[in-house]
């Protein structure tokens, strides 16, 4: 069953689609044939700006976790042979600190429907029973409904197509590398195995680049959305980390 065909969701998606079409018409006198691509980027930025409170909540939750991390490690050392006691003491610690182990999770879950609706605009060829004309629009002659892998496998790829997708993927890769360097996981080797700590750091670093791989398989419109999202997220995280720095040992 297609979740987006469910009438209430389809109606919301169709309303978002109408808004996007109006945005394209508004930008066309300025952006010309690139109006559709510009609208994808602008709509993504507007949605991300509206979700800034979610980012703030997550930054505060991350700061709380870093502040409580030494105390949690101490509890784990003290009660490692008694899981029930460890759970009770952990919950007591959070209660005493007026914090929650789930802080930041609920706001993140709350943003999921918004992100899903916006992303569907750039991915689905049909919306509420009618064609998604956004995907027939072009950026420098490359249809927004074309994917990099689709162009390669169908033999329709041109130098312009390769250049457009290479530029989008390059943005995602560069942002991923900057994110990896700026937000390396802090490894405390005092009580954790070196293999686990180093392994987690490597996995976290690799995961930063999965978006670039994913962008190869989705339409150009969705790839533009992903590139804009990761760039916004990096800038937002840097700003919020400065405003809500992690606790230092």
Protein backbone atom coordinates (compact mmCIF):
# COMPACT_ATOMS: atom_id res chain seq x y z
CA UNK A 1 0.00 0.00 0.00
CA UNK A 2 1.28 3.44 -0.95
CA UNK A 3 1.17 5.54 2.22
CA UNK A 4 1.17 8.72 0.13
CA UNK A 5 -2.07 7.60 -1.55
CA UNK A 6 -3.89 7.65 1.80
CA UNK A 7 -6.42 10.53 1.34
CA UNK A 8 -5.35 12.81 4.24
CA UNK A 9 -1.66 12.40 3.40
CA UNK A 10 -2.33 12.79 -0.33
CA UNK A 11 -4.22 16.03 0.37
CA UNK A 12 -1.32 17.43 2.40
CA UNK A 13 1.17 16.37 -0.26
CA UNK A 14 -0.98 17.93 -2.98
CA UNK A 15 -1.15 21.20 -1.03
CA UNK A 16 2.64 21.21 -0.68
CA UNK A 17 2.92 20.48 -4.41
CA UNK A 18 0.66 23.45 -5.25
CA UNK A 19 2.85 25.67 -3.06
CA UNK A 20 5.96 24.44 -4.84
CA UNK A 21 4.42 25.16 -8.26
CA UNK A 22 3.59 28.71 -7.14
CA UNK A 23 7.16 29.11 -5.94
CA UNK A 24 8.46 28.04 -9.35
CA UNK A 25 6.20 30.58 -11.08
CA UNK A 26 7.40 33.27 -8.69
CA UNK A 27 11.08 32.55 -9.33
CA UNK A 28 10.81 32.04 -13.08
CA UNK A 29 11.24 35.73 -14.01
CA UNK A 30 14.46 35.77 -12.01
CA UNK A 31 15.89 32.27 -12.40
CA UNK A 32 14.54 31.43 -15.85
CA UNK A 33 14.85 27.75 -16.78
CA UNK A 34 16.56 27.05 -13.44
CA UNK A 35 13.47 28.21 -11.51
CA UNK A 36 12.37 24.67 -10.63
CA UNK A 37 15.80 23.70 -9.25
CA UNK A 38 15.98 27.00 -7.37
CA UNK A 39 12.53 26.30 -5.91
CA UNK A 40 13.68 22.91 -4.65
CA UNK A 41 16.60 24.54 -2.87
CA UNK A 42 14.53 27.45 -1.53
CA UNK A 43 11.73 25.22 -0.25
CA UNK A 44 14.29 22.98 1.46
CA UNK A 45 15.86 26.00 3.16
CA UNK A 46 12.47 27.29 4.31
CA UNK A 47 11.53 23.92 5.80
CA UNK A 48 14.90 23.59 7.53
CA UNK A 49 14.57 27.09 8.93
CA UNK A 50 11.17 26.18 10.34
CA UNK A 51 12.76 23.14 12.01
CA UNK A 52 15.48 25.13 13.78
CA UNK A 53 13.77 24.58 17.19
CA UNK A 54 14.24 20.84 16.67
CA UNK A 55 17.95 21.39 16.10
CA UNK A 56 18.20 23.50 19.25
CA UNK A 57 16.48 20.77 21.26
CA UNK A 58 18.88 18.16 19.91
CA UNK A 59 21.92 20.35 20.66
CA UNK A 60 20.78 20.83 24.25
CA UNK A 61 20.16 17.10 24.61
CA UNK A 62 23.63 16.35 23.25
CA UNK A 63 25.16 18.78 25.74
CA UNK A 64 23.25 17.09 28.58
CA UNK A 65 24.46 13.65 27.49
CA UNK A 66 28.06 14.84 27.39
CA UNK A 67 27.69 16.40 30.86
CA UNK A 68 26.31 13.20 32.34
CA UNK A 69 28.64 10.83 30.48
CA UNK A 70 31.33 10.63 33.24
CA UNK A 71 28.70 9.90 35.90
CA UNK A 72 27.07 7.26 33.69
CA UNK A 73 30.43 5.58 33.11
CA UNK A 74 31.02 5.54 36.84
CA UNK A 75 27.64 3.89 37.42
CA UNK A 76 28.42 1.30 34.76
CA UNK A 77 31.70 0.45 36.49
CA UNK A 78 30.09 0.25 39.89
CA UNK A 79 27.04 -1.82 38.93
CA UNK A 80 28.20 -3.74 35.88
CA UNK A 81 27.34 -7.04 37.62
CA UNK A 82 23.84 -5.86 38.58
CA UNK A 83 21.90 -4.67 35.52
CA UNK A 84 18.72 -3.94 37.48
CA UNK A 85 20.58 -1.77 39.98
CA UNK A 86 22.37 -0.05 37.11
CA UNK A 87 19.03 0.78 35.48
CA UNK A 88 17.59 2.16 38.73
CA UNK A 89 20.65 4.27 39.45
CA UNK A 90 20.73 5.56 35.87
CA UNK A 91 17.11 6.68 36.01
CA UNK A 92 17.74 8.25 39.42
CA UNK A 93 20.68 10.18 37.99
CA UNK A 94 18.54 11.59 35.20
CA UNK A 95 15.79 12.46 37.68
CA UNK A 96 18.25 14.21 40.01
CA UNK A 97 19.69 16.16 37.09
CA UNK A 98 16.18 17.05 35.84
CA UNK A 99 17.04 15.48 32.49
CA UNK A 100 15.63 12.72 30.33
CA UNK A 101 17.49 9.94 28.51
CA UNK A 102 15.06 10.54 25.63
CA UNK A 103 15.62 14.29 25.38
CA UNK A 104 15.87 15.33 21.76
CA UNK A 105 14.25 12.13 20.46
CA UNK A 106 10.64 13.33 20.44
CA UNK A 107 11.37 16.57 18.53
CA UNK A 108 13.36 14.55 16.02
CA UNK A 109 10.44 12.16 15.54
CA UNK A 110 8.06 15.11 15.25
CA UNK A 111 9.97 16.49 12.27
CA UNK A 112 9.87 13.17 10.40
CA UNK A 113 6.40 13.69 8.82
CA UNK A 114 7.36 17.16 7.59
CA UNK A 115 10.60 15.90 6.05
CA UNK A 116 8.81 12.90 4.50
CA UNK A 117 6.22 15.11 2.81
CA UNK A 118 8.81 17.51 1.41
CA UNK A 119 11.09 14.71 0.23
CA UNK A 120 8.16 12.99 -1.52
CA UNK A 121 7.68 16.09 -3.67
CA UNK A 122 11.11 15.53 -5.17
CA UNK A 123 10.88 11.77 -5.51
CA UNK A 124 7.43 10.56 -6.59
CA UNK A 125 6.40 10.80 -10.28
CA UNK A 126 2.72 11.05 -9.31
CA UNK A 127 1.10 13.06 -6.51
CA UNK A 128 -2.52 12.69 -5.42
CA UNK A 129 -3.39 10.95 -8.66
CA UNK A 130 -1.79 13.44 -11.06
CA UNK A 131 1.64 13.71 -12.62
CA UNK A 132 4.39 15.48 -10.69
CA UNK A 133 5.35 18.06 -13.31
CA UNK A 134 8.30 19.19 -11.19
CA UNK A 135 10.20 16.12 -12.37
CA UNK A 136 9.75 17.15 -16.00
CA UNK A 137 11.44 20.51 -15.35
CA UNK A 138 15.14 20.82 -16.16
CA UNK A 139 18.36 22.22 -14.78
CA UNK A 140 20.69 23.15 -17.66
CA UNK A 141 18.94 20.61 -19.86
CA UNK A 142 18.98 17.80 -17.27
CA UNK A 143 15.47 16.66 -16.18
CA UNK A 144 14.87 16.90 -12.45
CA UNK A 145 13.29 13.45 -12.62
CA UNK A 146 16.47 11.83 -13.95
CA UNK A 147 18.88 10.03 -11.63
CA UNK A 148 22.61 9.63 -12.13
CA UNK A 149 22.37 5.84 -12.21
CA UNK A 150 19.33 6.03 -14.49
CA UNK A 151 21.19 8.23 -16.95
CA UNK A 152 24.21 5.91 -16.91
CA UNK A 153 22.25 2.68 -17.35
CA UNK A 154 19.93 4.07 -20.05
CA UNK A 155 22.78 5.49 -22.10
CA UNK A 156 21.26 8.99 -22.05
CA UNK A 157 24.06 10.57 -20.04
CA UNK A 158 25.80 13.55 -21.61
CA UNK A 159 28.71 15.71 -20.48
CA UNK A 160 26.22 18.22 -19.10
CA UNK A 161 24.35 15.49 -17.22
CA UNK A 162 27.60 14.16 -15.78
CA UNK A 163 28.68 17.67 -14.82
CA UNK A 164 25.43 18.52 -13.05
CA UNK A 165 25.37 15.31 -11.04
CA UNK A 166 29.10 15.54 -10.33
CA UNK A 167 28.60 19.03 -8.92
CA UNK A 168 25.74 17.96 -6.66
CA UNK A 169 27.57 14.85 -5.44
CA UNK A 170 30.74 16.89 -4.88
CA UNK A 171 28.85 19.28 -2.60
CA UNK A 172 27.53 16.34 -0.55
CA UNK A 173 30.98 14.71 -0.32
CA UNK A 174 32.72 17.95 0.71
CA UNK A 175 30.08 18.65 3.36
CA UNK A 176 30.37 15.06 4.59
CA UNK A 177 34.13 15.39 5.00
CA UNK A 178 33.80 18.74 6.79
CA UNK A 179 31.17 17.21 9.07
CA UNK A 180 33.39 14.21 9.79
CA UNK A 181 36.29 16.43 10.75
CA UNK A 182 34.24 18.90 12.78
CA UNK A 183 32.21 16.33 14.73
CA UNK A 184 34.51 13.39 15.33
CA UNK A 185 33.12 11.24 18.17
CA UNK A 186 34.94 11.75 21.44
CA UNK A 187 36.58 8.49 22.44
CA UNK A 188 37.30 7.86 26.08
CA UNK A 189 39.71 4.96 26.27
CA UNK A 190 39.74 4.79 30.06
CA UNK A 191 37.06 2.13 30.33
CA UNK A 192 36.11 1.14 26.80
CA UNK A 193 37.96 -1.27 24.56
CA UNK A 194 40.16 0.50 22.02
CA UNK A 195 38.61 -1.63 19.27
CA UNK A 196 35.08 -0.51 20.15
CA UNK A 197 36.02 3.15 20.35
CA UNK A 198 38.05 3.22 17.15
CA UNK A 199 35.47 1.08 15.38
CA UNK A 200 32.64 3.41 16.32
CA UNK A 201 34.64 6.40 15.12
CA UNK A 202 35.34 4.74 11.76
CA UNK A 203 31.71 3.74 11.31
CA UNK A 204 30.52 7.26 12.16
CA UNK A 205 32.97 8.68 9.62
CA UNK A 206 31.86 6.32 6.86
CA UNK A 207 28.17 7.00 7.51
CA UNK A 208 28.73 10.66 6.67
CA UNK A 209 29.24 9.65 3.03
CA UNK A 210 26.19 7.38 2.61
CA UNK A 211 24.09 10.37 1.51
CA UNK A 212 26.39 10.84 -1.50
CA UNK A 213 25.88 7.21 -2.50
CA UNK A 214 22.13 7.48 -2.01
CA UNK A 215 22.03 10.64 -4.14
CA UNK A 216 23.23 8.64 -7.14
CA UNK A 217 20.01 6.62 -7.22
CA UNK A 218 17.37 9.34 -6.68
CA UNK A 219 16.03 11.97 -9.11
CA UNK A 220 18.06 15.15 -9.52
CA UNK A 221 15.39 17.08 -7.60
CA UNK A 222 15.85 14.78 -4.60
CA UNK A 223 19.63 14.98 -4.93
CA UNK A 224 19.41 18.80 -4.79
CA UNK A 225 17.28 18.44 -1.67
CA UNK A 226 19.88 16.16 -0.07
CA UNK A 227 22.77 18.49 -0.93
CA UNK A 228 20.93 21.49 0.48
CA UNK A 229 19.93 19.58 3.60
CA UNK A 230 23.42 18.35 4.49
CA UNK A 231 24.91 21.82 3.90
CA UNK A 232 22.27 23.46 6.10
CA UNK A 233 22.71 20.79 8.78
CA UNK A 234 26.47 21.31 8.93
CA UNK A 235 26.16 25.08 9.34
CA UNK A 236 23.38 24.71 11.91
CA UNK A 237 25.33 22.17 13.95
CA UNK A 238 28.42 24.40 14.00
CA UNK A 239 26.39 27.40 15.16
CA UNK A 240 24.49 25.42 17.80
CA UNK A 241 27.63 23.68 19.06
CA UNK A 242 29.14 27.10 19.72
CA UNK A 243 25.99 28.25 21.53
CA UNK A 244 25.61 24.97 23.42
CA UNK A 245 29.13 23.54 23.78
CA UNK A 246 29.65 20.03 25.05
CA UNK A 247 30.85 19.56 28.59
CA UNK A 248 34.62 19.15 28.93
CA UNK A 249 36.14 16.52 31.16
